[in-house]
Amino acid sequence: MSDDVLDRIAQVRFDAQGLVPAIVQQHDTREVLMLAWMDREALRRTLVEGRVTYWSRSRGEYWRKGDTSGHIQRVRGARIDCDADVVLLFVEQTGAACHTGTRTCFDGDERDLRPETP
């Protein structure tokens, strides 16, 4: 593994549980697809392998997006925010990003907290 990848991961500020939120966007349109959680190992796997791996807080295990659904995420870029406590992943999404089968986890009018005003 490249020392460069380890150096970059060392910049990330993980929380007390060793996790960091990962916001996922479609690389070409910048459409926000989902948010999930990563620990240091999930982030390392993601950057090295080029396929996104997350940490499931509910199941207590790693999961690589698309291994069971076929809806894979290929990494096209990754950044950290100004505080280094959020990861932003740019991906090429194949199929639905959301576990409900929708394109994004933010699809549908029922998700609007504040409807648009004219």
PDB file of N, CA and C in Angstrom:
ATOM      1  N   MET A   1       0.850  -1.179   0.000  1.00  0.00           N
ATOM      2  CA  MET A   1       0.000   0.000   0.000  1.00  0.00           C
ATOM      3  C   MET A   1       0.892   1.236   0.000  1.00  0.00           C
ATOM      4  N   SER A   2       0.463   2.217  -0.700  1.00  0.00           N
ATOM      5  CA  SER A   2       1.210   3.447  -0.836  1.00  0.00           C
ATOM      6  C   SER A   2       1.246   4.226   0.480  1.00  0.00           C
ATOM      7  N   ASP A   3       2.443   4.720   0.822  1.00  0.00           N
ATOM      8  CA  ASP A   3       2.563   5.579   2.002  1.00  0.00           C
ATOM      9  C   ASP A   3       1.722   6.833   1.833  1.00  0.00           C
ATOM     10  N   ASP A   4       1.551   7.261   0.573  1.00  0.00           N
ATOM     11  CA  ASP A   4       0.756   8.447   0.287  1.00  0.00           C
ATOM     12  C   ASP A   4      -0.686   8.263   0.760  1.00  0.00           C
ATOM     13  N   VAL A   5      -1.267   7.076   0.530  1.00  0.00           N
ATOM     14  CA  VAL A   5      -2.636   6.808   0.974  1.00  0.00           C
ATOM     15  C   VAL A   5      -2.710   6.856   2.497  1.00  0.00           C
ATOM     16  N   LEU A   6      -1.756   6.242   3.165  1.00  0.00           N
ATOM     17  CA  LEU A   6      -1.740   6.257   4.631  1.00  0.00           C
ATOM     18  C   LEU A   6      -1.584   7.677   5.167  1.00  0.00           C
ATOM     19  N   ASP A   7      -0.741   8.473   4.521  1.00  0.00           N
ATOM     20  CA  ASP A   7      -0.555   9.862   4.927  1.00  0.00           C
ATOM     21  C   ASP A   7      -1.853  10.648   4.785  1.00  0.00           C
ATOM     22  N   ARG A   8      -2.563  10.395   3.703  1.00  0.00           N
ATOM     23  CA  ARG A   8      -3.821  11.114   3.476  1.00  0.00           C
ATOM     24  C   ARG A   8      -4.888  10.689   4.483  1.00  0.00           C
ATOM     25  N   ILE A   9      -4.961   9.409   4.780  1.00  0.00           N
ATOM     26  CA  ILE A   9      -5.924   8.924   5.774  1.00  0.00           C
ATOM     27  C   ILE A   9      -5.602   9.487   7.156  1.00  0.00           C
ATOM     28  N   ALA A  10      -4.320   9.683   7.446  1.00  0.00           N
ATOM     29  CA  ALA A  10      -3.901  10.218   8.746  1.00  0.00           C
ATOM     30  C   ALA A  10      -4.438  11.633   8.972  1.00  0.00           C
ATOM     31  N   GLN A  11      -4.806  12.334   7.905  1.00  0.00           N
ATOM     32  CA  GLN A  11      -5.354  13.683   8.023  1.00  0.00           C
ATOM     33  C   GLN A  11      -6.787  13.685   8.555  1.00  0.00           C
ATOM     34  N   VAL A  12      -7.495  12.571   8.383  1.00  0.00           N
ATOM     35  CA  VAL A  12      -8.917  12.499   8.720  1.00  0.00           C
ATOM     36  C   VAL A  12      -9.112  12.446  10.232  1.00  0.00           C
ATOM     37  N   ARG A  13     -10.054  13.247  10.726  1.00  0.00           N
ATOM     38  CA  ARG A  13     -10.398  13.265  12.151  1.00  0.00           C
ATOM     39  C   ARG A  13     -11.614  12.374  12.375  1.00  0.00           C
ATOM     40  N   PHE A  14     -11.379  11.157  12.826  1.00  0.00           N
ATOM     41  CA  PHE A  14     -12.452  10.215  13.129  1.00  0.00           C
ATOM     42  C   PHE A  14     -13.060  10.576  14.481  1.00  0.00           C
ATOM     43  N   ASP A  15     -14.342  10.259  14.687  1.00  0.00           N
ATOM     44  CA  ASP A  15     -15.003  10.581  15.948  1.00  0.00           C
ATOM     45  C   ASP A  15     -14.586   9.603  17.052  1.00  0.00           C
ATOM     46  N   ALA A  16     -15.199   9.727  18.212  1.00  0.00           N
ATOM     47  CA  ALA A  16     -14.840   8.901  19.374  1.00  0.00           C
ATOM     48  C   ALA A  16     -15.071   7.409  19.125  1.00  0.00           C
ATOM     49  N   GLN A  17     -15.972   7.079  18.198  1.00  0.00           N
ATOM     50  CA  GLN A  17     -16.225   5.685  17.847  1.00  0.00           C
ATOM     51  C   GLN A  17     -15.325   5.209  16.710  1.00  0.00           C
ATOM     52  N   GLY A  18     -14.431   6.104  16.258  1.00  0.00           N
ATOM     53  CA  GLY A  18     -13.527   5.751  15.168  1.00  0.00           C
ATOM     54  C   GLY A  18     -14.161   5.847  13.795  1.00  0.00           C
ATOM     55  N   LEU A  19     -15.236   6.645  13.681  1.00  0.00           N
ATOM     56  CA  LEU A  19     -15.976   6.756  12.426  1.00  0.00           C
ATOM     57  C   LEU A  19     -15.941   8.169  11.870  1.00  0.00           C
ATOM     58  N   VAL A  20     -16.181   8.251  10.572  1.00  0.00           N
ATOM     59  CA  VAL A  20     -16.300   9.533   9.893  1.00  0.00           C
ATOM     60  C   VAL A  20     -17.465   9.409   8.906  1.00  0.00           C
ATOM     61  N   PRO A  21     -18.327  10.453   8.826  1.00  0.00           N
ATOM     62  CA  PRO A  21     -19.392  10.395   7.832  1.00  0.00           C
ATOM     63  C   PRO A  21     -18.823  10.574   6.428  1.00  0.00           C
ATOM     64  N   ALA A  22     -19.417   9.851   5.481  1.00  0.00           N
ATOM     65  CA  ALA A  22     -19.007   9.958   4.086  1.00  0.00           C
ATOM     66  C   ALA A  22     -20.217  10.370   3.257  1.00  0.00           C
ATOM     67  N   ILE A  23     -20.132  11.539   2.663  1.00  0.00           N
ATOM     68  CA  ILE A  23     -21.151  12.020   1.741  1.00  0.00           C
ATOM     69  C   ILE A  23     -20.751  11.527   0.359  1.00  0.00           C
ATOM     70  N   VAL A  24     -21.714  10.979  -0.367  1.00  0.00           N
ATOM     71  CA  VAL A  24     -21.412  10.378  -1.667  1.00  0.00           C
ATOM     72  C   VAL A  24     -22.138  11.144  -2.766  1.00  0.00           C
ATOM     73  N   GLN A  25     -21.354  11.562  -3.776  1.00  0.00           N
ATOM     74  CA  GLN A  25     -21.908  12.297  -4.907  1.00  0.00           C
ATOM     75  C   GLN A  25     -21.555  11.588  -6.207  1.00  0.00           C
ATOM     76  N   GLN A  26     -22.468  11.693  -7.186  1.00  0.00           N
ATOM     77  CA  GLN A  26     -22.173  11.247  -8.540  1.00  0.00           C
ATOM     78  C   GLN A  26     -21.071  12.152  -9.078  1.00  0.00           C
ATOM     79  N   HIS A  27     -20.012  11.569  -9.614  1.00  0.00           N
ATOM     80  CA  HIS A  27     -18.818  12.346  -9.974  1.00  0.00           C
ATOM     81  C   HIS A  27     -19.047  13.388 -11.050  1.00  0.00           C
ATOM     82  N   ASP A  28     -19.904  13.127 -12.022  1.00  0.00           N
ATOM     83  CA  ASP A  28     -20.037  14.065 -13.135  1.00  0.00           C
ATOM     84  C   ASP A  28     -21.143  15.096 -12.935  1.00  0.00           C
ATOM     85  N   THR A  29     -22.204  14.731 -12.231  1.00  0.00           N
ATOM     86  CA  THR A  29     -23.322  15.662 -12.036  1.00  0.00           C
ATOM     87  C   THR A  29     -23.315  16.322 -10.662  1.00  0.00           C
ATOM     88  N   ARG A  30     -22.538  15.776  -9.738  1.00  0.00           N
ATOM     89  CA  ARG A  30     -22.456  16.227  -8.345  1.00  0.00           C
ATOM     90  C   ARG A  30     -23.770  15.986  -7.585  1.00  0.00           C
ATOM     91  N   GLU A  31     -24.641  15.137  -8.124  1.00  0.00           N
ATOM     92  CA  GLU A  31     -25.873  14.758  -7.449  1.00  0.00           C
ATOM     93  C   GLU A  31     -25.525  14.043  -6.142  1.00  0.00           C
ATOM     94  N   VAL A  32     -26.128  14.474  -5.031  1.00  0.00           N
ATOM     95  CA  VAL A  32     -25.893  13.832  -3.743  1.00  0.00           C
ATOM     96  C   VAL A  32     -26.673  12.523  -3.723  1.00  0.00           C
ATOM     97  N   LEU A  33     -25.959  11.415  -3.498  1.00  0.00           N
ATOM     98  CA  LEU A  33     -26.575  10.098  -3.553  1.00  0.00           C
ATOM     99  C   LEU A  33     -26.937   9.554  -2.178  1.00  0.00           C
ATOM    100  N   MET A  34     -26.035   9.681  -1.224  1.00  0.00           N
ATOM    101  CA  MET A  34     -26.260   9.060   0.082  1.00  0.00           C
ATOM    102  C   MET A  34     -25.234   9.547   1.091  1.00  0.00           C
ATOM    103  N   LEU A  35     -25.442   9.154   2.329  1.00  0.00           N
ATOM    104  CA  LEU A  35     -24.479   9.353   3.399  1.00  0.00           C
ATOM    105  C   LEU A  35     -24.321   8.015   4.110  1.00  0.00           C
ATOM    106  N   ALA A  36     -23.093   7.661   4.421  1.00  0.00           N
ATOM    107  CA  ALA A  36     -22.825   6.431   5.166  1.00  0.00           C
ATOM    108  C   ALA A  36     -21.626   6.689   6.064  1.00  0.00           C
ATOM    109  N   TRP A  37     -21.175   5.666   6.773  1.00  0.00           N
ATOM    110  CA  TRP A  37     -20.089   5.803   7.740  1.00  0.00           C
ATOM    111  C   TRP A  37     -18.902   4.941   7.350  1.00  0.00           C
ATOM    112  N   MET A  38     -17.719   5.445   7.653  1.00  0.00           N
ATOM    113  CA  MET A  38     -16.486   4.717   7.379  1.00  0.00           C
ATOM    114  C   MET A  38     -15.592   4.774   8.613  1.00  0.00           C
ATOM    115  N   ASP A  39     -14.854   3.710   8.832  1.00  0.00           N
ATOM    116  CA  ASP A  39     -13.763   3.765   9.797  1.00  0.00           C
ATOM    117  C   ASP A  39     -12.464   3.817   8.986  1.00  0.00           C
ATOM    118  N   ARG A  40     -11.357   3.808   9.651  1.00  0.00           N
ATOM    119  CA  ARG A  40     -10.063   3.931   8.986  1.00  0.00           C
ATOM    120  C   ARG A  40      -9.858   2.818   7.942  1.00  0.00           C
ATOM    121  N   GLU A  41     -10.215   1.589   8.296  1.00  0.00           N
ATOM    122  CA  GLU A  41     -10.033   0.460   7.379  1.00  0.00           C
ATOM    123  C   GLU A  41     -10.955   0.559   6.166  1.00  0.00           C
ATOM    124  N   ALA A  42     -12.195   0.967   6.366  1.00  0.00           N
ATOM    125  CA  ALA A  42     -13.124   1.135   5.241  1.00  0.00           C
ATOM    126  C   ALA A  42     -12.607   2.203   4.282  1.00  0.00           C
ATOM    127  N   LEU A  43     -12.090   3.289   4.829  1.00  0.00           N
ATOM    128  CA  LEU A  43     -11.538   4.343   3.985  1.00  0.00           C
ATOM    129  C   LEU A  43     -10.300   3.850   3.240  1.00  0.00           C
ATOM    130  N   ARG A  44      -9.447   3.100   3.928  1.00  0.00           N
ATOM    131  CA  ARG A  44      -8.257   2.558   3.271  1.00  0.00           C
ATOM    132  C   ARG A  44      -8.662   1.639   2.117  1.00  0.00           C
ATOM    133  N   ARG A  45      -9.581   0.719   2.364  1.00  0.00           N
ATOM    134  CA  ARG A  45     -10.037  -0.195   1.310  1.00  0.00           C
ATOM    135  C   ARG A  45     -10.608   0.571   0.129  1.00  0.00           C
ATOM    136  N   THR A  46     -11.404   1.583   0.423  1.00  0.00           N
ATOM    137  CA  THR A  46     -12.032   2.394  -0.619  1.00  0.00           C
ATOM    138  C   THR A  46     -10.987   3.061  -1.502  1.00  0.00           C
ATOM    139  N   LEU A  47      -9.993   3.679  -0.881  1.00  0.00           N
ATOM    140  CA  LEU A  47      -8.984   4.401  -1.648  1.00  0.00           C
ATOM    141  C   LEU A  47      -8.047   3.467  -2.413  1.00  0.00           C
ATOM    142  N   VAL A  48      -7.742   2.329  -1.829  1.00  0.00           N
ATOM    143  CA  VAL A  48      -6.818   1.384  -2.470  1.00  0.00           C
ATOM    144  C   VAL A  48      -7.508   0.566  -3.558  1.00  0.00           C
ATOM    145  N   GLU A  49      -8.718   0.068  -3.273  1.00  0.00           N
ATOM    146  CA  GLU A  49      -9.402  -0.837  -4.191  1.00  0.00           C
ATOM    147  C   GLU A  49     -10.209  -0.120  -5.275  1.00  0.00           C
ATOM    148  N   GLY A  50     -10.617   1.131  -5.003  1.00  0.00           N
ATOM    149  CA  GLY A  50     -11.394   1.863  -5.993  1.00  0.00           C
ATOM    150  C   GLY A  50     -12.878   1.550  -5.989  1.00  0.00           C
ATOM    151  N   ARG A  51     -13.326   0.708  -5.075  1.00  0.00           N
ATOM    152  CA  ARG A  51     -14.746   0.427  -4.839  1.00  0.00           C
ATOM    153  C   ARG A  51     -15.038   0.828  -3.413  1.00  0.00           C
ATOM    154  N   VAL A  52     -16.216   1.415  -3.189  1.00  0.00           N
ATOM    155  CA  VAL A  52     -16.514   1.986  -1.881  1.00  0.00           C
ATOM    156  C   VAL A  52     -16.904   0.904  -0.873  1.00  0.00           C
ATOM    157  N   THR A  53     -16.234   0.953   0.289  1.00  0.00           N
ATOM    158  CA  THR A  53     -16.531   0.091   1.424  1.00  0.00           C
ATOM    159  C   THR A  53     -16.961   0.971   2.587  1.00  0.00           C
ATOM    160  N   TYR A  54     -18.002   0.552   3.287  1.00  0.00           N
ATOM    161  CA  TYR A  54     -18.517   1.295   4.430  1.00  0.00           C
ATOM    162  C   TYR A  54     -18.457   0.430   5.682  1.00  0.00           C
ATOM    163  N   TRP A  55     -18.667   1.082   6.827  1.00  0.00           N
ATOM    164  CA  TRP A  55     -18.816   0.376   8.096  1.00  0.00           C
ATOM    165  C   TRP A  55     -20.292   0.466   8.486  1.00  0.00           C
ATOM    166  N   SER A  56     -20.922  -0.671   8.701  1.00  0.00           N
ATOM    167  CA  SER A  56     -22.318  -0.693   9.123  1.00  0.00           C
ATOM    168  C   SER A  56     -22.372  -0.574  10.644  1.00  0.00           C
ATOM    169  N   ARG A  57     -22.941   0.526  11.130  1.00  0.00           N
ATOM    170  CA  ARG A  57     -23.073   0.713  12.572  1.00  0.00           C
ATOM    171  C   ARG A  57     -24.078  -0.270  13.160  1.00  0.00           C
ATOM    172  N   SER A  58     -25.121  -0.600  12.423  1.00  0.00           N
ATOM    173  CA  SER A  58     -26.150  -1.500  12.950  1.00  0.00           C
ATOM    174  C   SER A  58     -25.703  -2.960  12.951  1.00  0.00           C
ATOM    175  N   ARG A  59     -24.968  -3.376  11.926  1.00  0.00           N
ATOM    176  CA  ARG A  59     -24.534  -4.772  11.848  1.00  0.00           C
ATOM    177  C   ARG A  59     -23.133  -4.996  12.414  1.00  0.00           C
ATOM    178  N   GLY A  60     -22.380  -3.906  12.593  1.00  0.00           N
ATOM    179  CA  GLY A  60     -21.027  -4.028  13.117  1.00  0.00           C
ATOM    180  C   GLY A  60     -20.090  -4.768  12.176  1.00  0.00           C
ATOM    181  N   GLU A  61     -20.216  -4.464  10.869  1.00  0.00           N
ATOM    182  CA  GLU A  61     -19.362  -5.129   9.885  1.00  0.00           C
ATOM    183  C   GLU A  61     -19.177  -4.245   8.653  1.00  0.00           C
ATOM    184  N   TYR A  62     -18.169  -4.594   7.859  1.00  0.00           N
ATOM    185  CA  TYR A  62     -17.920  -3.880   6.613  1.00  0.00           C
ATOM    186  C   TYR A  62     -18.910  -4.338   5.560  1.00  0.00           C
ATOM    187  N   TRP A  63     -19.241  -3.420   4.671  1.00  0.00           N
ATOM    188  CA  TRP A  63     -20.026  -3.792   3.495  1.00  0.00           C
ATOM    189  C   TRP A  63     -19.542  -2.972   2.311  1.00  0.00           C
ATOM    190  N   ARG A  64     -19.340  -3.664   1.216  1.00  0.00           N
ATOM    191  CA  ARG A  64     -18.897  -3.010  -0.008  1.00  0.00           C
ATOM    192  C   ARG A  64     -20.122  -2.803  -0.884  1.00  0.00           C
ATOM    193  N   LYS A  65     -20.371  -1.562  -1.196  1.00  0.00           N
ATOM    194  CA  LYS A  65     -21.561  -1.184  -1.949  1.00  0.00           C
ATOM    195  C   LYS A  65     -21.642  -1.975  -3.248  1.00  0.00           C
ATOM    196  N   GLY A  66     -22.758  -2.674  -3.423  1.00  0.00           N
ATOM    197  CA  GLY A  66     -23.023  -3.391  -4.657  1.00  0.00           C
ATOM    198  C   GLY A  66     -22.702  -4.864  -4.648  1.00  0.00           C
ATOM    199  N   ASP A  67     -22.060  -5.362  -3.600  1.00  0.00           N
ATOM    200  CA  ASP A  67     -21.707  -6.785  -3.583  1.00  0.00           C
ATOM    201  C   ASP A  67     -22.930  -7.691  -3.644  1.00  0.00           C
ATOM    202  N   THR A  68     -24.038  -7.279  -3.051  1.00  0.00           N
ATOM    203  CA  THR A  68     -25.240  -8.114  -3.127  1.00  0.00           C
ATOM    204  C   THR A  68     -26.258  -7.565  -4.130  1.00  0.00           C
ATOM    205  N   SER A  69     -26.304  -6.247  -4.304  1.00  0.00           N
ATOM    206  CA  SER A  69     -27.308  -5.632  -5.186  1.00  0.00           C
ATOM    207  C   SER A  69     -26.824  -5.453  -6.617  1.00  0.00           C
ATOM    208  N   GLY A  70     -25.514  -5.399  -6.808  1.00  0.00           N
ATOM    209  CA  GLY A  70     -24.981  -5.082  -8.129  1.00  0.00           C
ATOM    210  C   GLY A  70     -24.913  -3.585  -8.398  1.00  0.00           C
ATOM    211  N   HIS A  71     -25.365  -2.780  -7.448  1.00  0.00           N
ATOM    212  CA  HIS A  71     -25.371  -1.317  -7.589  1.00  0.00           C
ATOM    213  C   HIS A  71     -24.068  -0.755  -7.018  1.00  0.00           C
ATOM    214  N   ILE A  72     -23.005  -0.911  -7.772  1.00  0.00           N
ATOM    215  CA  ILE A  72     -21.671  -0.593  -7.266  1.00  0.00           C
ATOM    216  C   ILE A  72     -21.340   0.888  -7.374  1.00  0.00           C
ATOM    217  N   GLN A  73     -20.374   1.280  -6.562  1.00  0.00           N
ATOM    218  CA  GLN A  73     -19.833   2.639  -6.584  1.00  0.00           C
ATOM    219  C   GLN A  73     -18.339   2.544  -6.847  1.00  0.00           C
ATOM    220  N   ARG A  74     -17.913   3.103  -7.976  1.00  0.00           N
ATOM    221  CA  ARG A  74     -16.489   3.168  -8.306  1.00  0.00           C
ATOM    222  C   ARG A  74     -15.984   4.565  -7.970  1.00  0.00           C
ATOM    223  N   VAL A  75     -14.892   4.623  -7.242  1.00  0.00           N
ATOM    224  CA  VAL A  75     -14.348   5.899  -6.770  1.00  0.00           C
ATOM    225  C   VAL A  75     -13.712   6.666  -7.924  1.00  0.00           C
ATOM    226  N   ARG A  76     -14.116   7.919  -8.055  1.00  0.00           N
ATOM    227  CA  ARG A  76     -13.522   8.824  -9.052  1.00  0.00           C
ATOM    228  C   ARG A  76     -12.773   9.972  -8.377  1.00  0.00           C
ATOM    229  N   GLY A  77     -12.974  10.140  -7.077  1.00  0.00           N
ATOM    230  CA  GLY A  77     -12.280  11.173  -6.327  1.00  0.00           C
ATOM    231  C   GLY A  77     -12.706  11.136  -4.873  1.00  0.00           C
ATOM    232  N   ALA A  78     -11.907  11.751  -4.020  1.00  0.00           N
ATOM    233  CA  ALA A  78     -12.225  11.805  -2.592  1.00  0.00           C
ATOM    234  C   ALA A  78     -11.567  13.042  -1.992  1.00  0.00           C
ATOM    235  N   ARG A  79     -12.291  13.688  -1.089  1.00  0.00           N
ATOM    236  CA  ARG A  79     -11.800  14.893  -0.412  1.00  0.00           C
ATOM    237  C   ARG A  79     -12.223  14.840   1.044  1.00  0.00           C
ATOM    238  N   ILE A  80     -11.597  15.676   1.851  1.00  0.00           N
ATOM    239  CA  ILE A  80     -12.064  15.904   3.216  1.00  0.00           C
ATOM    240  C   ILE A  80     -12.494  17.360   3.313  1.00  0.00           C
ATOM    241  N   ASP A  81     -13.357  17.650   4.273  1.00  0.00           N
ATOM    242  CA  ASP A  81     -13.809  19.030   4.441  1.00  0.00           C
ATOM    243  C   ASP A  81     -12.758  19.839   5.197  1.00  0.00           C
ATOM    244  N   CYS A  82     -13.052  21.107   5.445  1.00  0.00           N
ATOM    245  CA  CYS A  82     -12.089  22.028   6.057  1.00  0.00           C
ATOM    246  C   CYS A  82     -11.686  21.621   7.464  1.00  0.00           C
ATOM    247  N   ASP A  83     -12.560  20.890   8.175  1.00  0.00           N
ATOM    248  CA  ASP A  83     -12.239  20.417   9.521  1.00  0.00           C
ATOM    249  C   ASP A  83     -11.676  18.998   9.527  1.00  0.00           C
ATOM    250  N   ALA A  84     -11.627  18.386   8.367  1.00  0.00           N
ATOM    251  CA  ALA A  84     -11.119  17.018   8.174  1.00  0.00           C
ATOM    252  C   ALA A  84     -11.952  15.974   8.913  1.00  0.00           C
ATOM    253  N   ASP A  85     -13.252  16.301   9.174  1.00  0.00           N
ATOM    254  CA  ASP A  85     -14.091  15.344   9.889  1.00  0.00           C
ATOM    255  C   ASP A  85     -15.279  14.846   9.065  1.00  0.00           C
ATOM    256  N   VAL A  86     -15.240  15.095   7.766  1.00  0.00           N
ATOM    257  CA  VAL A  86     -16.220  14.562   6.817  1.00  0.00           C
ATOM    258  C   VAL A  86     -15.479  14.205   5.538  1.00  0.00           C
ATOM    259  N   VAL A  87     -15.812  13.045   4.988  1.00  0.00           N
ATOM    260  CA  VAL A  87     -15.241  12.620   3.710  1.00  0.00           C
ATOM    261  C   VAL A  87     -16.289  12.845   2.631  1.00  0.00           C
ATOM    262  N   LEU A  88     -15.859  13.366   1.504  1.00  0.00           N
ATOM    263  CA  LEU A  88     -16.718  13.528   0.337  1.00  0.00           C
ATOM    264  C   LEU A  88     -16.178  12.615  -0.752  1.00  0.00           C
ATOM    265  N   LEU A  89     -17.012  11.671  -1.168  1.00  0.00           N
ATOM    266  CA  LEU A  89     -16.617  10.727  -2.200  1.00  0.00           C
ATOM    267  C   LEU A  89     -17.316  11.070  -3.507  1.00  0.00           C
ATOM    268  N   PHE A  90     -16.553  11.117  -4.584  1.00  0.00           N
ATOM    269  CA  PHE A  90     -17.097  11.274  -5.927  1.00  0.00           C
ATOM    270  C   PHE A  90     -17.059   9.897  -6.560  1.00  0.00           C
ATOM    271  N   VAL A  91     -18.225   9.391  -6.964  1.00  0.00           N
ATOM    272  CA  VAL A  91     -18.311   8.022  -7.460  1.00  0.00           C
ATOM    273  C   VAL A  91     -19.001   7.961  -8.815  1.00  0.00           C
ATOM    274  N   GLU A  92     -18.776   6.848  -9.480  1.00  0.00           N
ATOM    275  CA  GLU A  92     -19.570   6.473 -10.640  1.00  0.00           C
ATOM    276  C   GLU A  92     -20.549   5.428 -10.123  1.00  0.00           C
ATOM    277  N   GLN A  93     -21.800   5.828 -10.014  1.00  0.00           N
ATOM    278  CA  GLN A  93     -22.841   4.968  -9.447  1.00  0.00           C
ATOM    279  C   GLN A  93     -23.458   4.113 -10.538  1.00  0.00           C
ATOM    280  N   THR A  94     -23.523   2.817 -10.303  1.00  0.00           N
ATOM    281  CA  THR A  94     -24.241   1.896 -11.179  1.00  0.00           C
ATOM    282  C   THR A  94     -25.522   1.495 -10.463  1.00  0.00           C
ATOM    283  N   GLY A  95     -26.671   1.792 -11.054  1.00  0.00           N
ATOM    284  CA  GLY A  95     -27.946   1.448 -10.438  1.00  0.00           C
ATOM    285  C   GLY A  95     -28.294   2.382  -9.304  1.00  0.00           C
ATOM    286  N   ALA A  96     -29.162   1.909  -8.423  1.00  0.00           N
ATOM    287  CA  ALA A  96     -29.654   2.707  -7.298  1.00  0.00           C
ATOM    288  C   ALA A  96     -28.582   2.846  -6.224  1.00  0.00           C
ATOM    289  N   ALA A  97     -28.517   4.023  -5.621  1.00  0.00           N
ATOM    290  CA  ALA A  97     -27.598   4.231  -4.497  1.00  0.00           C
ATOM    291  C   ALA A  97     -28.270   3.862  -3.177  1.00  0.00           C
ATOM    292  N   CYS A  98     -29.579   4.049  -3.104  1.00  0.00           N
ATOM    293  CA  CYS A  98     -30.300   3.831  -1.847  1.00  0.00           C
ATOM    294  C   CYS A  98     -30.746   2.378  -1.697  1.00  0.00           C
ATOM    295  N   HIS A  99     -30.746   1.911  -0.469  1.00  0.00           N
ATOM    296  CA  HIS A  99     -31.186   0.537  -0.199  1.00  0.00           C
ATOM    297  C   HIS A  99     -32.668   0.327  -0.489  1.00  0.00           C
ATOM    298  N   THR A 100     -33.428   1.438  -0.648  1.00  0.00           N
ATOM    299  CA  THR A 100     -34.848   1.322  -0.976  1.00  0.00           C
ATOM    300  C   THR A 100     -35.072   1.116  -2.468  1.00  0.00           C
ATOM    301  N   GLY A 101     -33.996   1.223  -3.251  1.00  0.00           N
ATOM    302  CA  GLY A 101     -34.101   1.030  -4.696  1.00  0.00           C
ATOM    303  C   GLY A 101     -34.216   2.312  -5.488  1.00  0.00           C
ATOM    304  N   THR A 102     -34.179   3.472  -4.817  1.00  0.00           N
ATOM    305  CA  THR A 102     -34.231   4.750  -5.528  1.00  0.00           C
ATOM    306  C   THR A 102     -32.831   5.207  -5.901  1.00  0.00           C
ATOM    307  N   ARG A 103     -32.776   6.109  -6.853  1.00  0.00           N
ATOM    308  CA  ARG A 103     -31.481   6.616  -7.348  1.00  0.00           C
ATOM    309  C   ARG A 103     -30.641   7.192  -6.204  1.00  0.00           C
ATOM    310  N   THR A 104     -31.276   8.011  -5.356  1.00  0.00           N
ATOM    311  CA  THR A 104     -30.584   8.596  -4.214  1.00  0.00           C
ATOM    312  C   THR A 104     -31.390   8.342  -2.949  1.00  0.00           C
ATOM    313  N   CYS A 105     -30.768   8.551  -1.824  1.00  0.00           N
ATOM    314  CA  CYS A 105     -31.470   8.419  -0.540  1.00  0.00           C
ATOM    315  C   CYS A 105     -32.319   9.651  -0.246  1.00  0.00           C
ATOM    316  N   PHE A 106     -32.309  10.623  -1.154  1.00  0.00           N
ATOM    317  CA  PHE A 106     -33.037  11.870  -0.964  1.00  0.00           C
ATOM    318  C   PHE A 106     -34.145  12.047  -1.986  1.00  0.00           C
ATOM    319  N   ASP A 107     -34.498  10.986  -2.734  1.00  0.00           N
ATOM    320  CA  ASP A 107     -35.543  11.055  -3.751  1.00  0.00           C
ATOM    321  C   ASP A 107     -36.924  11.117  -3.121  1.00  0.00           C
ATOM    322  N   GLY A 108     -37.843  11.758  -3.826  1.00  0.00           N
ATOM    323  CA  GLY A 108     -39.249  11.743  -3.444  1.00  0.00           C
ATOM    324  C   GLY A 108     -39.692  12.971  -2.680  1.00  0.00           C
ATOM    325  N   ASP A 109     -40.886  13.453  -3.010  1.00  0.00           N
ATOM    326  CA  ASP A 109     -41.450  14.639  -2.349  1.00  0.00           C
ATOM    327  C   ASP A 109     -41.674  14.417  -0.860  1.00  0.00           C
ATOM    328  N   GLU A 110     -41.910  13.169  -0.464  1.00  0.00           N
ATOM    329  CA  GLU A 110     -42.149  12.880   0.960  1.00  0.00           C
ATOM    330  C   GLU A 110     -40.925  13.179   1.805  1.00  0.00           C
ATOM    331  N   ARG A 111     -39.797  13.403   1.178  1.00  0.00           N
ATOM    332  CA  ARG A 111     -38.554  13.700   1.891  1.00  0.00           C
ATOM    333  C   ARG A 111     -38.378  15.194   2.171  1.00  0.00           C
ATOM    334  N   ASP A 112     -39.229  16.022   1.555  1.00  0.00           N
ATOM    335  CA  ASP A 112     -39.118  17.472   1.725  1.00  0.00           C
ATOM    336  C   ASP A 112     -39.500  17.877   3.144  1.00  0.00           C
ATOM    337  N   LEU A 113     -38.589  18.496   3.847  1.00  0.00           N
ATOM    338  CA  LEU A 113     -38.883  19.043   5.165  1.00  0.00           C
ATOM    339  C   LEU A 113     -39.551  20.402   5.060  1.00  0.00           C
ATOM    340  N   ARG A 114     -39.177  21.106   4.024  1.00  0.00           N
ATOM    341  CA  ARG A 114     -39.759  22.431   3.793  1.00  0.00           C
ATOM    342  C   ARG A 114     -40.061  22.540   2.303  1.00  0.00           C
ATOM    343  N   PRO A 115     -41.328  22.407   1.926  1.00  0.00           N
ATOM    344  CA  PRO A 115     -41.674  22.488   0.507  1.00  0.00           C
ATOM    345  C   PRO A 115     -41.242  23.815  -0.106  1.00  0.00           C
ATOM    346  N   GLU A 116     -40.892  23.759  -1.376  1.00  0.00           N
ATOM    347  CA  GLU A 116     -40.505  24.984  -2.088  1.00  0.00           C
ATOM    348  C   GLU A 116     -41.661  25.961  -2.117  1.00  0.00           C
ATOM    349  N   THR A 117     -41.331  27.243  -2.042  1.00  0.00           N
ATOM    350  CA  THR A 117     -42.358  28.274  -2.158  1.00  0.00           C
ATOM    351  C   THR A 117     -42.194  28.970  -3.502  1.00  0.00           C
ATOM    352  N   PRO A 118     -43.321  29.421  -4.086  1.00  0.00           N
ATOM    353  CA  PRO A 118     -43.252  30.071  -5.412  1.00  0.00           C
ATOM    354  C   PRO A 118     -42.505  31.379  -5.390  1.00  0.00           C
TER     355      PRO A 118
END
